[in-house]
Amino acid sequence: MKSNSNFKIEKINIKNIIIDSFFILLGTFVMALGFKIFLTPHDIVPGGFMGIAKIIHDLLTRVNFYAIDISVWYIILNIFLYVYALKKLGLNFGIRAGVGIFSYSLFVKIIEILPFDDIINNQFVVEESALGSVGMFIIYSIYGGVLMGIGLGLVFRANGSTGGCDLLAIIINKFMPDVTTGQIVIFVDGIVIILSAIAYSSLILPLFALITIFICGKVSDMFVDGVKALRAYYIITDKKEEVAQEIFNTLHRGVTDIKCQGMYTHNDRDMLLVIVRRVQIMKLKSIVRNIDENAFMFSSIVKEAYGNGFLKNQKIESFIARLKDKSSRKNKSAKVNEKQQGETNNE
């Protein structure tokens, strides 16, 4: 009989889900710490759906409506988007996104109940006399952004989601394929900033919110992409052998020769490609300048590089992936042992 369900049928790896869920829970807990301890008490909104949830909650409390908490508003804002995304992306995504959305909301409520806020903010009150109120708000923005960025980075590394803009992007892309997730995030955060200025009658608080959003984005990107700064340099020179040999001897880096053609002269040229670490950049420039001052050179940022001299191929996987791989090997070993035992018994 044909099923009428719209949900994707997928094979679920329970152990992988458990490992990912652990890191998602850790990430959402850190995010909740940043949100409730450093941002919420000072009306600094972090952008995204949690920022919208806070604004809605704070506006309704002015008319004495306290029935729905910020954490509940966050779930309400996400629930319909989540169901739709679950149908489109399947159960594997749905489980991870569900863990992210509901644990983030739950941790926000738990931290509100526990004395984390009082313990940490009491220390900040002691130090406020030295920095002044404006200086303290900058500190709150930075700490909040760093913690939320770390938490969000952990969630992303575990292939998870905390809902909000990620889910909204799935729906909008269905009808407007040219709209990217980045554009949606900028649009939503812009709306949140404008709403916060209106809700709190302030032009200063949105500036602190911008600091938080910027730092959160940078820190989460650092967790996803890594912090090792690499650059790829492309060098067009008539002295390719001398340049390449000096790079080998001095920087101990491999060099690739790329054949190219100048479209103005239609002459065949050689372009060298070399990837270097940040500390080697100035030395590379010096090498090229000393050998061929007429060389043409340009660079691009490299987020990751695998292979000889960089990340080893067998260590490409993240810590999370290695845990999964270890779990998978144990399962295979157990199955092989079970099969061999069965063959022995048959004999």
C-alpha atoms as a PDB file:
ATOM      1  CA  MET A   1       0.000   0.000   0.000  1.00  0.00           C
ATOM      2  CA  LYS A   2       1.367   3.419  -0.958  1.00  0.00           C
ATOM      3  CA  SER A   3       2.030   5.812   1.905  1.00  0.00           C
ATOM      4  CA  ASN A   4       0.572   9.323   1.778  1.00  0.00           C
ATOM      5  CA  SER A   5       3.208  10.695   4.153  1.00  0.00           C
ATOM      6  CA  ASN A   6       5.260  13.655   2.941  1.00  0.00           C
ATOM      7  CA  PHE A   7       8.097  12.917   5.341  1.00  0.00           C
ATOM      8  CA  LYS A   8      11.387  11.643   3.940  1.00  0.00           C
ATOM      9  CA  ILE A   9      12.180   8.056   4.884  1.00  0.00           C
ATOM     10  CA  GLU A  10      15.806   7.842   5.965  1.00  0.00           C
ATOM     11  CA  LYS A  11      18.116   5.420   7.682  1.00  0.00           C
ATOM     12  CA  ILE A  12      18.775   6.697  11.189  1.00  0.00           C
ATOM     13  CA  ASN A  13      22.135   6.066  12.868  1.00  0.00           C
ATOM     14  CA  ILE A  14      21.219   6.171  16.546  1.00  0.00           C
ATOM     15  CA  LYS A  15      24.782   6.465  17.862  1.00  0.00           C
ATOM     16  CA  ASN A  16      25.578   9.349  15.525  1.00  0.00           C
ATOM     17  CA  ILE A  17      22.386  11.079  16.610  1.00  0.00           C
ATOM     18  CA  ILE A  18      23.340  10.650  20.276  1.00  0.00           C
ATOM     19  CA  ILE A  19      26.856  12.038  19.727  1.00  0.00           C
ATOM     20  CA  ASP A  20      25.561  15.000  17.722  1.00  0.00           C
ATOM     21  CA  SER A  21      22.812  15.641  20.257  1.00  0.00           C
ATOM     22  CA  PHE A  22      25.359  15.823  23.081  1.00  0.00           C
ATOM     23  CA  PHE A  23      27.294  18.594  21.331  1.00  0.00           C
ATOM     24  CA  ILE A  24      24.087  20.363  20.313  1.00  0.00           C
ATOM     25  CA  LEU A  25      22.969  20.332  23.960  1.00  0.00           C
ATOM     26  CA  LEU A  26      26.361  21.667  25.026  1.00  0.00           C
ATOM     27  CA  GLY A  27      26.139  24.394  22.385  1.00  0.00           C
ATOM     28  CA  THR A  28      22.609  25.487  23.270  1.00  0.00           C
ATOM     29  CA  PHE A  29      23.530  25.566  26.969  1.00  0.00           C
ATOM     30  CA  VAL A  30      26.424  27.947  26.246  1.00  0.00           C
ATOM     31  CA  MET A  31      24.134  30.060  24.032  1.00  0.00           C
ATOM     32  CA  ALA A  32      21.538  30.224  26.793  1.00  0.00           C
ATOM     33  CA  LEU A  33      24.212  31.354  29.274  1.00  0.00           C
ATOM     34  CA  GLY A  34      25.219  34.216  27.004  1.00  0.00           C
ATOM     35  CA  PHE A  35      21.614  35.203  26.337  1.00  0.00           C
ATOM     36  CA  LYS A  36      20.227  35.099  29.874  1.00  0.00           C
ATOM     37  CA  ILE A  37      23.241  36.339  31.838  1.00  0.00           C
ATOM     38  CA  PHE A  38      24.714  39.071  29.650  1.00  0.00           C
ATOM     39  CA  LEU A  39      22.021  40.150  27.194  1.00  0.00           C
ATOM     40  CA  THR A  40      18.507  39.773  28.600  1.00  0.00           C
ATOM     41  CA  PRO A  41      19.037  41.712  31.873  1.00  0.00           C
ATOM     42  CA  HIS A  42      20.262  44.718  29.887  1.00  0.00           C
ATOM     43  CA  ASP A  43      17.741  44.624  26.995  1.00  0.00           C
ATOM     44  CA  ILE A  44      20.422  43.754  24.426  1.00  0.00           C
ATOM     45  CA  VAL A  45      18.774  41.617  21.748  1.00  0.00           C
ATOM     46  CA  PRO A  46      20.910  38.974  20.018  1.00  0.00           C
ATOM     47  CA  GLY A  47      19.114  39.031  16.681  1.00  0.00           C
ATOM     48  CA  GLY A  48      17.260  36.093  15.164  1.00  0.00           C
ATOM     49  CA  PHE A  49      14.113  34.507  16.547  1.00  0.00           C
ATOM     50  CA  MET A  50      15.259  34.633  20.167  1.00  0.00           C
ATOM     51  CA  GLY A  51      15.601  38.391  19.808  1.00  0.00           C
ATOM     52  CA  ILE A  52      12.073  38.583  18.378  1.00  0.00           C
ATOM     53  CA  ALA A  53      10.795  36.383  21.223  1.00  0.00           C
ATOM     54  CA  LYS A  54      12.341  38.720  23.803  1.00  0.00           C
ATOM     55  CA  ILE A  55      10.835  41.823  22.191  1.00  0.00           C
ATOM     56  CA  ILE A  56       7.363  40.245  22.015  1.00  0.00           C
ATOM     57  CA  HIS A  57       7.587  39.129  25.650  1.00  0.00           C
ATOM     58  CA  ASP A  58       8.780  42.517  26.912  1.00  0.00           C
ATOM     59  CA  LEU A  59       6.098  44.437  25.003  1.00  0.00           C
ATOM     60  CA  LEU A  60       3.327  42.185  26.329  1.00  0.00           C
ATOM     61  CA  THR A  61       4.533  42.522  29.928  1.00  0.00           C
ATOM     62  CA  ARG A  62       3.851  46.251  29.641  1.00  0.00           C
ATOM     63  CA  VAL A  63       0.160  45.442  29.304  1.00  0.00           C
ATOM     64  CA  ASN A  64       0.406  42.962  32.201  1.00  0.00           C
ATOM     65  CA  PHE A  65       0.467  39.815  30.047  1.00  0.00           C
ATOM     66  CA  TYR A  66       2.919  37.427  31.703  1.00  0.00           C
ATOM     67  CA  ALA A  67       1.396  34.086  30.702  1.00  0.00           C
ATOM     68  CA  ILE A  68       3.927  33.217  27.996  1.00  0.00           C
ATOM     69  CA  ASP A  69       7.652  33.212  28.744  1.00  0.00           C
ATOM     70  CA  ILE A  70      10.448  34.157  26.310  1.00  0.00           C
ATOM     71  CA  SER A  71      11.422  30.489  25.936  1.00  0.00           C
ATOM     72  CA  VAL A  72       7.849  29.551  25.008  1.00  0.00           C
ATOM     73  CA  TRP A  73       7.585  32.388  22.497  1.00  0.00           C
ATOM     74  CA  TYR A  74      10.755  31.047  20.882  1.00  0.00           C
ATOM     75  CA  ILE A  75       9.155  27.637  20.376  1.00  0.00           C
ATOM     76  CA  ILE A  76       5.942  29.223  19.073  1.00  0.00           C
ATOM     77  CA  LEU A  77       7.890  31.219  16.485  1.00  0.00           C
ATOM     78  CA  ASN A  78       9.721  28.089  15.346  1.00  0.00           C
ATOM     79  CA  ILE A  79       7.129  25.339  15.505  1.00  0.00           C
ATOM     80  CA  PHE A  80       5.431  25.773  12.115  1.00  0.00           C
ATOM     81  CA  LEU A  81       8.736  26.395  10.352  1.00  0.00           C
ATOM     82  CA  TYR A  82      10.143  23.301  12.029  1.00  0.00           C
ATOM     83  CA  VAL A  83       7.309  21.033  10.863  1.00  0.00           C
ATOM     84  CA  TYR A  84       7.660  22.291   7.297  1.00  0.00           C
ATOM     85  CA  ALA A  85      11.461  21.885   7.307  1.00  0.00           C
ATOM     86  CA  LEU A  86      11.089  18.399   8.796  1.00  0.00           C
ATOM     87  CA  LYS A  87       8.991  17.355   5.807  1.00  0.00           C
ATOM     88  CA  LYS A  88      11.477  18.830   3.336  1.00  0.00           C
ATOM     89  CA  LEU A  89      14.785  17.740   4.902  1.00  0.00           C
ATOM     90  CA  GLY A  90      13.825  14.509   6.607  1.00  0.00           C
ATOM     91  CA  LEU A  91      14.095  12.910  10.013  1.00  0.00           C
ATOM     92  CA  ASN A  92      17.888  13.113  10.404  1.00  0.00           C
ATOM     93  CA  PHE A  93      17.746  16.905  10.192  1.00  0.00           C
ATOM     94  CA  GLY A  94      14.507  16.999  12.139  1.00  0.00           C
ATOM     95  CA  ILE A  95      15.944  15.234  15.174  1.00  0.00           C
ATOM     96  CA  ARG A  96      19.011  17.481  15.351  1.00  0.00           C
ATOM     97  CA  ALA A  97      17.029  20.663  14.744  1.00  0.00           C
ATOM     98  CA  GLY A  98      14.410  19.584  17.287  1.00  0.00           C
ATOM     99  CA  VAL A  99      17.093  18.982  19.918  1.00  0.00           C
ATOM    100  CA  GLY A 100      18.576  22.407  19.140  1.00  0.00           C
ATOM    101  CA  ILE A 101      15.307  24.352  19.257  1.00  0.00           C
ATOM    102  CA  PHE A 102      13.789  22.767  22.344  1.00  0.00           C
ATOM    103  CA  SER A 103      17.014  22.495  24.369  1.00  0.00           C
ATOM    104  CA  TYR A 104      17.872  26.153  23.683  1.00  0.00           C
ATOM    105  CA  SER A 105      14.431  27.161  24.907  1.00  0.00           C
ATOM    106  CA  LEU A 106      14.672  24.831  27.930  1.00  0.00           C
ATOM    107  CA  PHE A 107      18.145  26.008  28.969  1.00  0.00           C
ATOM    108  CA  VAL A 108      17.028  29.651  28.764  1.00  0.00           C
ATOM    109  CA  LYS A 109      14.294  28.826  31.284  1.00  0.00           C
ATOM    110  CA  ILE A 110      16.559  26.735  33.532  1.00  0.00           C
ATOM    111  CA  ILE A 111      19.240  29.427  33.717  1.00  0.00           C
ATOM    112  CA  GLU A 112      16.538  31.968  34.539  1.00  0.00           C
ATOM    113  CA  ILE A 113      15.526  29.853  37.550  1.00  0.00           C
ATOM    114  CA  LEU A 114      19.033  28.986  38.754  1.00  0.00           C
ATOM    115  CA  PRO A 115      21.246  31.652  40.418  1.00  0.00           C
ATOM    116  CA  PHE A 116      23.751  31.971  37.519  1.00  0.00           C
ATOM    117  CA  ASP A 117      22.586  35.496  36.779  1.00  0.00           C
ATOM    118  CA  ASP A 118      22.978  36.780  40.336  1.00  0.00           C
ATOM    119  CA  ILE A 119      26.401  35.215  40.891  1.00  0.00           C
ATOM    120  CA  ILE A 120      28.008  36.611  37.741  1.00  0.00           C
ATOM    121  CA  ASN A 121      26.286  39.982  37.596  1.00  0.00           C
ATOM    122  CA  ASN A 122      27.128  40.721  41.238  1.00  0.00           C
ATOM    123  CA  GLN A 123      30.785  40.644  40.240  1.00  0.00           C
ATOM    124  CA  PHE A 124      30.094  42.956  37.301  1.00  0.00           C
ATOM    125  CA  VAL A 125      28.336  45.401  39.641  1.00  0.00           C
ATOM    126  CA  VAL A 126      31.511  45.521  41.748  1.00  0.00           C
ATOM    127  CA  GLU A 127      33.598  46.390  38.674  1.00  0.00           C
ATOM    128  CA  GLU A 128      31.099  48.842  37.154  1.00  0.00           C
ATOM    129  CA  SER A 129      32.470  51.799  39.087  1.00  0.00           C
ATOM    130  CA  ALA A 130      35.789  51.432  37.267  1.00  0.00           C
ATOM    131  CA  LEU A 131      34.406  51.084  33.730  1.00  0.00           C
ATOM    132  CA  GLY A 132      31.203  53.117  33.911  1.00  0.00           C
ATOM    133  CA  SER A 133      27.777  52.026  32.679  1.00  0.00           C
ATOM    134  CA  VAL A 134      28.591  52.427  28.968  1.00  0.00           C
ATOM    135  CA  GLY A 135      31.785  50.417  29.331  1.00  0.00           C
ATOM    136  CA  MET A 136      29.872  47.679  31.127  1.00  0.00           C
ATOM    137  CA  PHE A 137      27.276  47.497  28.347  1.00  0.00           C
ATOM    138  CA  ILE A 138      30.089  46.972  25.842  1.00  0.00           C
ATOM    139  CA  ILE A 139      31.424  44.169  28.064  1.00  0.00           C
ATOM    140  CA  TYR A 140      27.963  42.599  28.255  1.00  0.00           C
ATOM    141  CA  SER A 141      27.670  42.762  24.463  1.00  0.00           C
ATOM    142  CA  ILE A 142      31.066  41.167  23.929  1.00  0.00           C
ATOM    143  CA  TYR A 143      30.628  38.400  26.491  1.00  0.00           C
ATOM    144  CA  GLY A 144      27.128  37.652  25.220  1.00  0.00           C
ATOM    145  CA  GLY A 145      28.301  37.551  21.605  1.00  0.00           C
ATOM    146  CA  VAL A 146      31.300  35.315  22.377  1.00  0.00           C
ATOM    147  CA  LEU A 147      29.245  32.785  24.359  1.00  0.00           C
ATOM    148  CA  MET A 148      26.452  32.691  21.780  1.00  0.00           C
ATOM    149  CA  GLY A 149      29.022  32.345  18.991  1.00  0.00           C
ATOM    150  CA  ILE A 150      30.762  29.438  20.736  1.00  0.00           C
ATOM    151  CA  GLY A 151      27.437  27.723  21.361  1.00  0.00           C
ATOM    152  CA  LEU A 152      26.223  28.257  17.806  1.00  0.00           C
ATOM    153  CA  GLY A 153      29.539  26.980  16.444  1.00  0.00           C
ATOM    154  CA  LEU A 154      29.199  23.773  18.488  1.00  0.00           C
ATOM    155  CA  VAL A 155      25.673  23.284  17.165  1.00  0.00           C
ATOM    156  CA  PHE A 156      26.802  23.783  13.554  1.00  0.00           C
ATOM    157  CA  ARG A 157      29.768  21.406  13.989  1.00  0.00           C
ATOM    158  CA  ALA A 158      27.269  18.745  15.086  1.00  0.00           C
ATOM    159  CA  ASN A 159      25.171  19.322  11.921  1.00  0.00           C
ATOM    160  CA  GLY A 160      22.455  20.827  14.078  1.00  0.00           C
ATOM    161  CA  SER A 161      20.287  23.912  14.037  1.00  0.00           C
ATOM    162  CA  THR A 162      18.605  26.150  16.586  1.00  0.00           C
ATOM    163  CA  GLY A 163      15.795  27.002  14.184  1.00  0.00           C
ATOM    164  CA  GLY A 164      14.973  30.583  13.318  1.00  0.00           C
ATOM    165  CA  CYS A 165      16.669  31.878  10.182  1.00  0.00           C
ATOM    166  CA  ASP A 166      17.842  28.403   9.087  1.00  0.00           C
ATOM    167  CA  LEU A 167      14.283  27.126   8.925  1.00  0.00           C
ATOM    168  CA  LEU A 168      12.966  30.377   7.460  1.00  0.00           C
ATOM    169  CA  ALA A 169      15.565  30.096   4.683  1.00  0.00           C
ATOM    170  CA  ILE A 170      14.251  26.647   3.723  1.00  0.00           C
ATOM    171  CA  ILE A 171      10.741  27.977   3.227  1.00  0.00           C
ATOM    172  CA  ILE A 172      11.742  31.179   1.452  1.00  0.00           C
ATOM    173  CA  ASN A 173      14.117  29.296  -0.877  1.00  0.00           C
ATOM    174  CA  LYS A 174      11.189  27.103  -1.897  1.00  0.00           C
ATOM    175  CA  PHE A 175       9.449  30.115  -3.424  1.00  0.00           C
ATOM    176  CA  MET A 176      12.431  32.444  -4.003  1.00  0.00           C
ATOM    177  CA  PRO A 177      15.487  30.301  -4.934  1.00  0.00           C
ATOM    178  CA  ASP A 178      17.723  33.338  -5.496  1.00  0.00           C
ATOM    179  CA  VAL A 179      17.467  34.460  -1.867  1.00  0.00           C
ATOM    180  CA  THR A 180      20.372  33.112   0.204  1.00  0.00           C
ATOM    181  CA  THR A 181      20.488  32.184   3.878  1.00  0.00           C
ATOM    182  CA  GLY A 182      22.940  35.042   4.507  1.00  0.00           C
ATOM    183  CA  GLN A 183      20.499  37.572   3.050  1.00  0.00           C
ATOM    184  CA  ILE A 184      17.702  36.191   5.207  1.00  0.00           C
ATOM    185  CA  VAL A 185      19.865  36.403   8.356  1.00  0.00           C
ATOM    186  CA  ILE A 186      20.775  40.031   7.577  1.00  0.00           C
ATOM    187  CA  PHE A 187      17.130  40.881   6.900  1.00  0.00           C
ATOM    188  CA  VAL A 188      15.835  39.250  10.109  1.00  0.00           C
ATOM    189  CA  ASP A 189      18.604  40.756  12.262  1.00  0.00           C
ATOM    190  CA  GLY A 190      17.916  44.171  10.709  1.00  0.00           C
ATOM    191  CA  ILE A 191      14.222  43.885  11.590  1.00  0.00           C
ATOM    192  CA  VAL A 192      15.134  42.825  15.133  1.00  0.00           C
ATOM    193  CA  ILE A 193      17.459  45.810  15.557  1.00  0.00           C
ATOM    194  CA  ILE A 194      14.762  48.225  14.352  1.00  0.00           C
ATOM    195  CA  LEU A 195      12.132  46.611  16.596  1.00  0.00           C
ATOM    196  CA  SER A 196      14.466  46.788  19.601  1.00  0.00           C
ATOM    197  CA  ALA A 197      14.986  50.508  19.031  1.00  0.00           C
ATOM    198  CA  ILE A 198      11.188  50.999  19.041  1.00  0.00           C
ATOM    199  CA  ALA A 199      10.418  48.578  21.879  1.00  0.00           C
ATOM    200  CA  TYR A 200      13.012  50.009  24.277  1.00  0.00           C
ATOM    201  CA  SER A 201      12.826  53.618  23.025  1.00  0.00           C
ATOM    202  CA  SER A 202      16.584  53.689  22.610  1.00  0.00           C
ATOM    203  CA  LEU A 203      19.108  54.404  19.897  1.00  0.00           C
ATOM    204  CA  ILE A 204      21.984  53.137  22.045  1.00  0.00           C
ATOM    205  CA  LEU A 205      20.842  49.588  22.831  1.00  0.00           C
ATOM    206  CA  PRO A 206      20.614  48.605  19.123  1.00  0.00           C
ATOM    207  CA  LEU A 207      24.292  49.567  18.759  1.00  0.00           C
ATOM    208  CA  PHE A 208      25.219  47.155  21.533  1.00  0.00           C
ATOM    209  CA  ALA A 209      23.031  44.539  19.826  1.00  0.00           C
ATOM    210  CA  LEU A 210      25.021  45.046  16.614  1.00  0.00           C
ATOM    211  CA  ILE A 211      28.233  44.363  18.543  1.00  0.00           C
ATOM    212  CA  THR A 212      26.739  41.127  19.883  1.00  0.00           C
ATOM    213  CA  ILE A 213      25.486  39.982  16.469  1.00  0.00           C
ATOM    214  CA  PHE A 214      28.827  40.750  14.793  1.00  0.00           C
ATOM    215  CA  ILE A 215      30.912  38.940  17.425  1.00  0.00           C
ATOM    216  CA  CYS A 216      28.520  35.985  17.494  1.00  0.00           C
ATOM    217  CA  GLY A 217      28.837  35.581  13.720  1.00  0.00           C
ATOM    218  CA  LYS A 218      32.634  35.823  13.740  1.00  0.00           C
ATOM    219  CA  VAL A 219      33.102  33.396  16.632  1.00  0.00           C
ATOM    220  CA  SER A 220      30.688  30.809  15.200  1.00  0.00           C
ATOM    221  CA  ASP A 221      32.447  31.042  11.810  1.00  0.00           C
ATOM    222  CA  MET A 222      35.774  30.500  13.565  1.00  0.00           C
ATOM    223  CA  PHE A 223      34.431  27.322  15.166  1.00  0.00           C
ATOM    224  CA  VAL A 224      33.148  26.027  11.828  1.00  0.00           C
ATOM    225  CA  ASP A 225      36.035  27.080   9.572  1.00  0.00           C
ATOM    226  CA  GLY A 226      38.919  26.881  12.052  1.00  0.00           C
ATOM    227  CA  VAL A 227      41.370  29.521  13.196  1.00  0.00           C
ATOM    228  CA  LYS A 228      44.425  28.558  11.140  1.00  0.00           C
ATOM    229  CA  ALA A 229      44.899  31.406   8.684  1.00  0.00           C
ATOM    230  CA  LEU A 230      46.102  30.216   5.283  1.00  0.00           C
ATOM    231  CA  ARG A 231      46.545  32.077   2.008  1.00  0.00           C
ATOM    232  CA  ALA A 232      46.930  30.883  -1.545  1.00  0.00           C
ATOM    233  CA  TYR A 233      49.349  32.991  -3.607  1.00  0.00           C
ATOM    234  CA  TYR A 234      49.344  32.998  -7.403  1.00  0.00           C
ATOM    235  CA  ILE A 235      52.599  34.212  -8.945  1.00  0.00           C
ATOM    236  CA  ILE A 236      53.110  34.977 -12.646  1.00  0.00           C
ATOM    237  CA  THR A 237      56.828  35.240 -13.306  1.00  0.00           C
ATOM    238  CA  ASP A 238      59.408  34.644 -15.997  1.00  0.00           C
ATOM    239  CA  LYS A 239      61.704  33.125 -13.379  1.00  0.00           C
ATOM    240  CA  LYS A 240      59.531  30.282 -12.208  1.00  0.00           C
ATOM    241  CA  GLU A 241      62.375  27.834 -11.524  1.00  0.00           C
ATOM    242  CA  GLU A 242      64.294  30.251  -9.307  1.00  0.00           C
ATOM    243  CA  VAL A 243      61.180  31.340  -7.403  1.00  0.00           C
ATOM    244  CA  ALA A 244      59.926  27.782  -6.917  1.00  0.00           C
ATOM    245  CA  GLN A 245      63.327  26.526  -5.764  1.00  0.00           C
ATOM    246  CA  GLU A 246      63.678  29.323  -3.199  1.00  0.00           C
ATOM    247  CA  ILE A 247      60.191  28.587  -1.858  1.00  0.00           C
ATOM    248  CA  PHE A 248      61.155  24.898  -1.524  1.00  0.00           C
ATOM    249  CA  ASN A 249      64.391  25.708   0.294  1.00  0.00           C
ATOM    250  CA  THR A 250      63.203  28.542   2.539  1.00  0.00           C
ATOM    251  CA  LEU A 251      59.513  27.926   3.259  1.00  0.00           C
ATOM    252  CA  HIS A 252      59.463  24.155   2.669  1.00  0.00           C
ATOM    253  CA  ARG A 253      56.211  24.492   0.746  1.00  0.00           C
ATOM    254  CA  GLY A 254      55.120  22.712  -2.401  1.00  0.00           C
ATOM    255  CA  VAL A 255      54.600  24.786  -5.555  1.00  0.00           C
ATOM    256  CA  THR A 256      52.248  24.001  -8.444  1.00  0.00           C
ATOM    257  CA  ASP A 257      52.937  25.207 -11.991  1.00  0.00           C
ATOM    258  CA  ILE A 258      49.762  26.261 -13.818  1.00  0.00           C
ATOM    259  CA  LYS A 259      49.897  26.887 -17.556  1.00  0.00           C
ATOM    260  CA  CYS A 260      48.066  30.035 -18.633  1.00  0.00           C
ATOM    261  CA  GLN A 261      47.888  32.543 -21.482  1.00  0.00           C
ATOM    262  CA  GLY A 262      47.841  36.334 -21.475  1.00  0.00           C
ATOM    263  CA  MET A 263      44.812  37.404 -23.484  1.00  0.00           C
ATOM    264  CA  TYR A 264      46.382  40.719 -24.538  1.00  0.00           C
ATOM    265  CA  THR A 265      49.643  39.309 -25.907  1.00  0.00           C
ATOM    266  CA  HIS A 266      48.399  35.701 -26.383  1.00  0.00           C
ATOM    267  CA  ASN A 267      51.745  34.573 -25.011  1.00  0.00           C
ATOM    268  CA  ASP A 268      51.932  31.369 -22.982  1.00  0.00           C
ATOM    269  CA  ARG A 269      52.849  32.020 -19.349  1.00  0.00           C
ATOM    270  CA  ASP A 270      53.477  30.013 -16.179  1.00  0.00           C
ATOM    271  CA  MET A 271      51.624  30.766 -12.962  1.00  0.00           C
ATOM    272  CA  LEU A 272      52.883  29.332  -9.677  1.00  0.00           C
ATOM    273  CA  LEU A 273      50.458  28.399  -6.896  1.00  0.00           C
ATOM    274  CA  VAL A 274      51.636  28.091  -3.300  1.00  0.00           C
ATOM    275  CA  ILE A 275      49.686  27.914  -0.027  1.00  0.00           C
ATOM    276  CA  VAL A 276      51.376  29.399   3.026  1.00  0.00           C
ATOM    277  CA  ARG A 277      50.575  30.083   6.654  1.00  0.00           C
ATOM    278  CA  ARG A 278      50.138  33.605   7.921  1.00  0.00           C
ATOM    279  CA  VAL A 279      53.619  33.737   9.453  1.00  0.00           C
ATOM    280  CA  GLN A 280      55.172  32.895   6.066  1.00  0.00           C
ATOM    281  CA  ILE A 281      53.438  35.588   4.009  1.00  0.00           C
ATOM    282  CA  MET A 282      56.048  38.346   4.379  1.00  0.00           C
ATOM    283  CA  LYS A 283      58.888  35.925   3.680  1.00  0.00           C
ATOM    284  CA  LEU A 284      57.157  34.746   0.487  1.00  0.00           C
ATOM    285  CA  LYS A 285      56.710  38.332  -0.706  1.00  0.00           C
ATOM    286  CA  SER A 286      60.381  38.995  -0.024  1.00  0.00           C
ATOM    287  CA  ILE A 287      61.427  35.905  -2.012  1.00  0.00           C
ATOM    288  CA  VAL A 288      59.383  36.900  -5.058  1.00  0.00           C
ATOM    289  CA  ARG A 289      60.448  40.551  -4.923  1.00  0.00           C
ATOM    290  CA  ASN A 290      64.164  39.697  -4.649  1.00  0.00           C
ATOM    291  CA  ILE A 291      64.116  37.225  -7.557  1.00  0.00           C
ATOM    292  CA  ASP A 292      61.707  38.957  -9.942  1.00  0.00           C
ATOM    293  CA  GLU A 293      60.593  42.478  -9.079  1.00  0.00           C
ATOM    294  CA  ASN A 294      58.350  42.465 -12.177  1.00  0.00           C
ATOM    295  CA  ALA A 295      56.405  39.395 -11.060  1.00  0.00           C
ATOM    296  CA  PHE A 296      52.611  39.686 -10.793  1.00  0.00           C
ATOM    297  CA  MET A 297      51.225  38.188  -7.585  1.00  0.00           C
ATOM    298  CA  PHE A 298      47.787  38.025  -5.972  1.00  0.00           C
ATOM    299  CA  SER A 299      46.276  36.029  -3.111  1.00  0.00           C
ATOM    300  CA  SER A 300      43.060  34.537  -1.800  1.00  0.00           C
ATOM    301  CA  ILE A 301      42.006  33.313   1.638  1.00  0.00           C
ATOM    302  CA  VAL A 302      42.084  29.544   2.207  1.00  0.00           C
ATOM    303  CA  LYS A 303      39.863  28.294   5.017  1.00  0.00           C
ATOM    304  CA  GLU A 304      41.155  24.718   5.028  1.00  0.00           C
ATOM    305  CA  ALA A 305      43.965  22.774   3.359  1.00  0.00           C
ATOM    306  CA  TYR A 306      44.386  19.010   3.500  1.00  0.00           C
ATOM    307  CA  GLY A 307      47.384  16.947   2.546  1.00  0.00           C
ATOM    308  CA  ASN A 308      51.156  17.044   2.896  1.00  0.00           C
ATOM    309  CA  GLY A 309      52.281  19.908   5.110  1.00  0.00           C
ATOM    310  CA  PHE A 310      48.793  20.786   6.313  1.00  0.00           C
ATOM    311  CA  LEU A 311      45.978  18.747   7.842  1.00  0.00           C
ATOM    312  CA  LYS A 312      46.605  15.045   7.374  1.00  0.00           C
ATOM    313  CA  ASN A 313      43.956  13.298   5.340  1.00  0.00           C
ATOM    314  CA  GLN A 314      43.257  10.754   8.062  1.00  0.00           C
ATOM    315  CA  LYS A 315      42.620  13.603  10.508  1.00  0.00           C
ATOM    316  CA  ILE A 316      40.232  15.661   8.401  1.00  0.00           C
ATOM    317  CA  GLU A 317      37.250  14.701  10.500  1.00  0.00           C
ATOM    318  CA  SER A 318      36.313  16.825  13.435  1.00  0.00           C
ATOM    319  CA  PHE A 319      36.342  15.496  16.965  1.00  0.00           C
ATOM    320  CA  ILE A 320      32.653  14.686  16.574  1.00  0.00           C
ATOM    321  CA  ALA A 321      33.252  12.771  13.357  1.00  0.00           C
ATOM    322  CA  ARG A 322      36.066  10.797  14.973  1.00  0.00           C
ATOM    323  CA  LEU A 323      33.755   9.766  17.779  1.00  0.00           C
ATOM    324  CA  LYS A 324      31.243   8.521  15.225  1.00  0.00           C
ATOM    325  CA  ASP A 325      33.954   6.685  13.303  1.00  0.00           C
ATOM    326  CA  LYS A 326      35.168   4.984  16.459  1.00  0.00           C
ATOM    327  CA  SER A 327      31.619   3.935  17.267  1.00  0.00           C
ATOM    328  CA  SER A 328      31.136   2.595  13.732  1.00  0.00           C
ATOM    329  CA  ARG A 329      34.350   0.538  13.893  1.00  0.00           C
ATOM    330  CA  LYS A 330      33.244  -1.058  17.151  1.00  0.00           C
ATOM    331  CA  ASN A 331      29.949  -2.074  15.571  1.00  0.00           C
ATOM    332  CA  LYS A 332      31.691  -3.585  12.527  1.00  0.00           C
ATOM    333  CA  SER A 333      34.170  -5.443  14.738  1.00  0.00           C
ATOM    334  CA  ALA A 334      31.345  -6.866  16.830  1.00  0.00           C
ATOM    335  CA  LYS A 335      29.516  -8.037  13.706  1.00  0.00           C
ATOM    336  CA  VAL A 336      32.667  -9.678  12.296  1.00  0.00           C
ATOM    337  CA  ASN A 337      33.322 -11.462  15.585  1.00  0.00           C
ATOM    338  CA  GLU A 338      29.730 -12.621  15.724  1.00  0.00           C
ATOM    339  CA  LYS A 339      29.941 -13.924  12.145  1.00  0.00           C
ATOM    340  CA  GLN A 340      33.215 -15.754  12.808  1.00  0.00           C
ATOM    341  CA  GLN A 341      31.770 -17.277  15.963  1.00  0.00           C
ATOM    342  CA  GLY A 342      28.781 -18.495  14.001  1.00  0.00           C
ATOM    343  CA  GLU A 343      30.999 -20.064  11.331  1.00  0.00           C
ATOM    344  CA  THR A 344      33.042 -21.814  14.022  1.00  0.00           C
ATOM    345  CA  ASN A 345      29.901 -23.229  15.609  1.00  0.00           C
ATOM    346  CA  ASN A 346      28.676 -24.491  12.229  1.00  0.00           C
ATOM    347  CA  GLU A 347      31.939 -26.334  11.698  1.00  0.00           C
END
